[in-house]
Amino acid sequence: MDSTGPMRVSIKAHRPDWKSELRTNCLRRVRKDRNDLLWKIRKQGLPGNVMEKVRSAVRSVISDEVEKLKQSNTENEDQEMDVIWEYQGLHAAKPAEIESEDILLEMERLVCEDIREEN
């Protein structure tokens, strides 16, 4: 066999983009856990504080999913993941940070939509 050809890379060796993986995992988890969140909000019965509870729950989901990705990634990929925690607002945001904020807003929208449907 001729060894001058390019080496083939295994499909399993290629990991998907961590941002899209994070987005997919977060949205899947919010859809799965939103009933639990709605029950917590109903039990506490504080309608004025609903958005803060939603934001807190979404932040918790994102944090958990980032930790899961960090544990499953190699050392080099972990350094790329640390960028998420360096957010300084939209005025200084890079496209990746804006995308992370879009994930947060989409998850909040899903939960708020369910809250409205319940009322």
Protein backbone atom coordinates (compact mmCIF):
# COMPACT_ATOMS: atom_id res chain seq x y z
CA MET A 1 0.00 0.00 0.00
CA ASP A 2 1.11 3.54 -0.71
CA SER A 3 1.61 5.56 2.48
CA THR A 4 1.80 8.94 0.74
CA GLY A 5 -1.96 9.54 0.97
CA PRO A 6 -3.52 11.59 3.77
CA MET A 7 -4.38 9.87 7.02
CA ARG A 8 -8.08 9.36 7.69
CA VAL A 9 -9.43 10.68 10.95
CA SER A 10 -11.93 8.56 12.83
CA ILE A 11 -15.41 10.05 13.15
CA LYS A 12 -15.32 9.28 16.87
CA ALA A 13 -12.15 11.37 17.22
CA HIS A 14 -13.95 14.49 16.00
CA ARG A 15 -15.98 16.16 18.76
CA PRO A 16 -18.82 18.48 17.80
CA ASP A 17 -18.52 22.18 18.46
CA TRP A 18 -18.85 22.64 22.25
CA LYS A 19 -21.06 25.71 21.85
CA SER A 20 -23.67 23.90 19.80
CA GLU A 21 -23.42 20.91 22.13
CA LEU A 22 -23.94 23.19 25.14
CA ARG A 23 -26.91 24.87 23.48
CA THR A 24 -28.51 21.55 22.58
CA ASN A 25 -27.97 20.09 26.05
CA CYS A 26 -29.31 23.20 27.81
CA LEU A 27 -32.44 23.43 25.67
CA ARG A 28 -33.11 19.71 26.07
CA ARG A 29 -32.73 19.94 29.83
CA VAL A 30 -34.93 23.05 30.15
CA ARG A 31 -37.68 21.34 28.17
CA LYS A 32 -37.35 18.28 30.38
CA ASP A 33 -37.17 20.18 33.70
CA ARG A 34 -39.63 23.01 33.07
CA ASN A 35 -42.55 21.15 34.68
CA ASP A 36 -40.54 20.91 37.90
CA LEU A 37 -39.77 24.62 37.72
CA LEU A 38 -43.44 25.46 37.18
CA TRP A 39 -44.42 23.41 40.23
CA LYS A 40 -41.80 25.17 42.37
CA ILE A 41 -43.10 28.57 41.25
CA ARG A 42 -46.71 27.57 41.96
CA LYS A 43 -45.85 26.24 45.43
CA GLN A 44 -44.06 29.43 46.46
CA GLY A 45 -46.88 31.58 45.14
CA LEU A 46 -44.84 34.77 44.72
CA PRO A 47 -45.82 36.05 41.27
CA GLY A 48 -43.67 39.20 41.45
CA ASN A 49 -40.49 37.17 41.76
CA VAL A 50 -41.13 34.70 38.91
CA MET A 51 -38.61 36.11 36.43
CA GLU A 52 -35.80 36.04 38.97
CA LYS A 53 -36.62 32.40 39.74
CA VAL A 54 -36.61 31.60 36.03
CA ARG A 55 -33.25 33.32 35.53
CA SER A 56 -31.80 31.53 38.53
CA ALA A 57 -33.02 28.15 37.27
CA VAL A 58 -31.66 28.81 33.78
CA ARG A 59 -28.27 29.88 35.17
CA SER A 60 -28.20 26.69 37.20
CA VAL A 61 -28.93 24.59 34.11
CA ILE A 62 -26.22 26.33 32.10
CA SER A 63 -23.71 25.95 34.92
CA ASP A 64 -24.48 22.24 35.32
CA GLU A 65 -24.25 21.60 31.58
CA VAL A 66 -20.93 23.46 31.31
CA GLU A 67 -19.56 21.33 34.15
CA LYS A 68 -20.71 18.17 32.37
CA LEU A 69 -18.98 19.29 29.18
CA LYS A 70 -15.82 20.18 31.07
CA GLN A 71 -15.70 16.73 32.61
CA SER A 72 -16.10 15.05 29.23
CA ASN A 73 -13.55 17.19 27.36
CA THR A 74 -9.79 17.10 27.20
CA GLU A 75 -7.49 19.68 28.83
CA ASN A 76 -7.27 21.91 25.73
CA GLU A 77 -11.02 22.03 25.29
CA ASP A 78 -11.42 22.95 28.99
CA GLN A 79 -9.44 26.13 28.43
CA GLU A 80 -11.80 27.13 25.62
CA MET A 81 -14.81 26.52 27.89
CA ASP A 82 -13.52 29.02 30.48
CA VAL A 83 -14.41 31.85 28.07
CA ILE A 84 -18.09 31.51 29.08
CA TRP A 85 -17.38 32.78 32.60
CA GLU A 86 -15.56 35.92 31.39
CA TYR A 87 -18.74 37.68 30.22
CA GLN A 88 -18.58 41.49 30.56
CA GLY A 89 -21.83 42.60 28.95
CA LEU A 90 -23.07 43.11 25.41
CA HIS A 91 -20.90 46.18 24.77
CA ALA A 92 -17.75 44.06 25.09
CA ALA A 93 -19.27 40.78 23.96
CA LYS A 94 -17.77 38.58 21.32
CA PRO A 95 -20.05 36.58 19.00
CA ALA A 96 -19.65 33.45 21.17
CA GLU A 97 -20.74 35.38 24.27
CA ILE A 98 -23.75 36.82 22.46
CA GLU A 99 -24.66 33.28 21.41
CA SER A 100 -24.48 32.17 25.06
CA GLU A 101 -26.80 35.00 26.02
CA ASP A 102 -29.13 33.92 23.22
CA ILE A 103 -29.25 30.46 24.79
CA LEU A 104 -30.19 31.99 28.14
CA LEU A 105 -32.90 34.14 26.56
CA GLU A 106 -34.33 31.20 24.61
CA MET A 107 -34.52 29.08 27.74
CA GLU A 108 -36.20 31.90 29.67
CA ARG A 109 -38.68 32.31 26.82
CA LEU A 110 -39.58 28.61 26.92
CA VAL A 111 -40.23 28.65 30.65
CA CYS A 112 -42.20 31.92 30.50
CA GLU A 113 -44.28 30.52 27.66
CA ASP A 114 -45.20 27.53 29.83
CA ILE A 115 -46.05 29.82 32.74
CA ARG A 116 -48.40 31.85 30.52
CA GLU A 117 -50.06 28.69 29.22
CA GLU A 118 -50.70 27.55 32.80
CA ASN A 119 -52.45 30.82 33.73
